[in-house]
Protein backbone atom coordinates (compact mmCIF):
# COMPACT_ATOMS: atom_id res chain seq x y z
CA UNK A 1 -2.31 -25.65 30.06
CA UNK A 2 -3.77 -23.66 32.90
CA UNK A 3 -2.48 -20.19 33.64
CA UNK A 4 -3.34 -17.98 36.62
CA UNK A 5 -1.77 -14.51 36.55
CA UNK A 6 1.97 -15.04 35.75
CA UNK A 7 1.91 -18.67 37.01
CA UNK A 8 1.61 -21.83 35.04
CA UNK A 9 -0.70 -23.85 37.26
CA UNK A 10 -0.89 -26.97 35.03
CA UNK A 11 0.78 -28.18 31.84
CA UNK A 12 -0.24 -31.52 30.76
CA UNK A 13 0.55 -33.47 27.67
CA UNK A 14 -1.02 -36.89 27.02
CA UNK A 15 1.70 -39.49 27.78
CA UNK A 16 1.40 -40.93 24.19
CA UNK A 17 2.31 -37.45 22.80
CA UNK A 18 5.31 -36.64 25.04
CA UNK A 19 8.47 -35.69 23.16
CA UNK A 20 6.43 -34.48 20.15
CA UNK A 21 6.99 -30.73 20.80
CA UNK A 22 3.46 -30.10 22.15
CA UNK A 23 4.66 -29.23 25.60
CA UNK A 24 7.36 -26.87 24.33
CA UNK A 25 4.73 -25.11 22.03
CA UNK A 26 2.38 -24.72 24.97
CA UNK A 27 5.07 -23.35 27.22
CA UNK A 28 6.34 -20.92 24.63
CA UNK A 29 2.77 -19.69 23.95
CA UNK A 30 2.28 -19.10 27.70
CA UNK A 31 5.63 -17.12 27.85
CA UNK A 32 4.89 -15.05 24.88
CA UNK A 33 1.22 -14.45 25.36
CA UNK A 34 0.78 -14.26 29.19
CA UNK A 35 4.41 -13.45 30.18
CA UNK A 36 4.33 -16.32 32.73
CA UNK A 37 7.41 -16.37 34.96
CA UNK A 38 7.03 -19.11 37.47
CA UNK A 39 5.52 -22.51 38.21
CA UNK A 40 5.68 -25.32 40.84
CA UNK A 41 6.81 -28.81 39.83
CA UNK A 42 6.87 -32.02 41.76
CA UNK A 43 10.31 -32.31 43.20
CA UNK A 44 10.67 -35.98 42.20
CA UNK A 45 9.57 -35.23 38.63
CA UNK A 46 13.14 -34.67 37.29
CA UNK A 47 12.05 -35.04 33.67
CA UNK A 48 9.63 -32.10 33.98
CA UNK A 49 12.16 -30.03 35.89
CA UNK A 50 14.79 -30.57 33.16
CA UNK A 51 12.16 -29.65 30.54
CA UNK A 52 11.48 -26.37 32.26
CA UNK A 53 15.11 -25.68 32.64
CA UNK A 54 15.70 -26.11 28.90
CA UNK A 55 13.07 -23.46 28.43
CA UNK A 56 14.74 -20.82 30.73
CA UNK A 57 13.39 -21.68 34.14
CA UNK A 58 15.64 -22.18 37.12
CA UNK A 59 14.86 -23.90 40.44
CA UNK A 60 14.66 -21.66 43.54
CA UNK A 61 15.19 -22.81 47.15
CA UNK A 62 11.37 -22.57 47.72
CA UNK A 63 9.67 -25.82 48.42
CA UNK A 64 6.11 -26.58 49.70
CA UNK A 65 4.29 -29.80 50.55
CA UNK A 66 1.97 -31.17 47.88
CA UNK A 67 -1.40 -31.24 49.48
CA UNK A 68 -2.64 -34.72 50.48
CA UNK A 69 0.66 -36.42 49.82
CA UNK A 70 4.14 -36.71 51.40
CA UNK A 71 5.68 -35.19 48.25
CA UNK A 72 7.05 -31.67 47.78
CA UNK A 73 6.70 -29.02 45.04
CA UNK A 74 9.68 -26.90 44.06
CA UNK A 75 9.35 -23.42 42.63
CA UNK A 76 10.89 -22.61 39.21
CA UNK A 77 11.19 -19.05 37.96
CA UNK A 78 11.96 -17.71 34.53
CA UNK A 79 15.34 -16.07 34.16
């Protein structure tokens, strides 16, 4: 996990270890320790967006292009 200020910049779990609770533990640690309250997720990564929603984040109407691609990032904030 990479945190900058109140933003989660990166949260990565090795694919072999997904659905093991590691991502949830990292996210809860970031919330409790650093009071993170927003992040950007790849718009097409619905699995990640649903994960963040389950942990109290909601999608905003903010969207920015992902640098070097034709994809977009959406902003999620903590309720």
